[in-house]
């Protein structure tokens, strides 16, 4: 099987919508939810996001609604 690896991707999502807790915990939950979607049959890509904890930088901010 041929694989393609993308590195240094930013993930931005609406905190508190489907995830709860501190920012780092919500980020982990978001990645888990995305992985479930990426692997869901029959339309899933069989793809998976991998998080490298020693390289993660979590930033929080507010946007206008």
Protein backbone atom coordinates (compact mmCIF):
# COMPACT_ATOMS: atom_id res chain seq x y z
CA UNK A 1 0.00 0.00 0.00
CA UNK A 2 1.29 3.44 -0.91
CA UNK A 3 1.00 6.05 1.83
CA UNK A 4 1.28 9.83 1.75
CA UNK A 5 2.29 11.74 4.88
CA UNK A 6 1.46 15.42 5.47
CA UNK A 7 3.32 17.21 8.24
CA UNK A 8 2.73 20.43 10.16
CA UNK A 9 -1.02 20.80 9.59
CA UNK A 10 -2.99 23.29 11.69
CA UNK A 11 -6.38 22.26 13.05
CA UNK A 12 -8.88 24.95 13.97
CA UNK A 13 -12.32 24.08 15.36
CA UNK A 14 -15.13 25.54 17.45
CA UNK A 15 -14.20 24.68 21.02
CA UNK A 16 -16.96 23.59 23.34
CA UNK A 17 -19.31 22.47 20.56
CA UNK A 18 -18.57 18.74 20.56
CA UNK A 19 -15.54 18.75 22.83
CA UNK A 20 -15.17 19.72 26.48
CA UNK A 21 -12.43 20.42 29.02
CA UNK A 22 -9.11 22.25 28.81
CA UNK A 23 -7.82 23.25 25.36
CA UNK A 24 -5.31 20.38 25.04
CA UNK A 25 -8.00 17.84 25.97
CA UNK A 26 -10.43 19.33 23.45
CA UNK A 27 -7.74 19.13 20.76
CA UNK A 28 -7.24 15.41 21.48
CA UNK A 29 -11.00 14.85 21.38
CA UNK A 30 -11.27 16.68 18.05
CA UNK A 31 -8.55 14.50 16.51
CA UNK A 32 -10.33 11.37 17.77
CA UNK A 33 -13.62 12.53 16.20
CA UNK A 34 -11.88 13.34 12.92
CA UNK A 35 -10.20 9.92 12.87
CA UNK A 36 -13.54 8.21 13.40
CA UNK A 37 -14.95 10.12 10.43
CA UNK A 38 -11.93 9.42 8.21
CA UNK A 39 -12.21 5.69 8.87
CA UNK A 40 -16.02 5.40 8.64
CA UNK A 41 -17.28 3.03 5.97
CA UNK A 42 -18.36 3.09 3.18
CA UNK A 43 -16.97 6.54 2.38
CA UNK A 44 -14.01 6.68 4.75
CA UNK A 45 -10.53 7.16 3.36
CA UNK A 46 -8.99 4.67 5.77
CA UNK A 47 -6.89 7.66 6.83
CA UNK A 48 -5.77 8.60 10.31
CA UNK A 49 -4.29 11.68 11.95
CA UNK A 50 -1.34 11.10 14.26
CA UNK A 51 -0.54 13.58 17.02
CA UNK A 52 3.04 13.92 18.23
CA UNK A 53 2.63 15.33 21.77
CA UNK A 54 6.17 16.72 21.92
CA UNK A 55 5.47 18.84 18.82
CA UNK A 56 1.95 20.08 19.66
CA UNK A 57 1.35 23.76 20.32
CA UNK A 58 -2.17 24.61 21.50
CA UNK A 59 -3.40 28.18 21.06
CA UNK A 60 -6.82 29.49 22.02
CA UNK A 61 -8.58 32.61 20.85
CA UNK A 62 -11.95 34.21 20.33
CA UNK A 63 -13.57 34.96 16.99
CA UNK A 64 -16.56 37.15 16.21
CA UNK A 65 -19.78 35.11 16.03
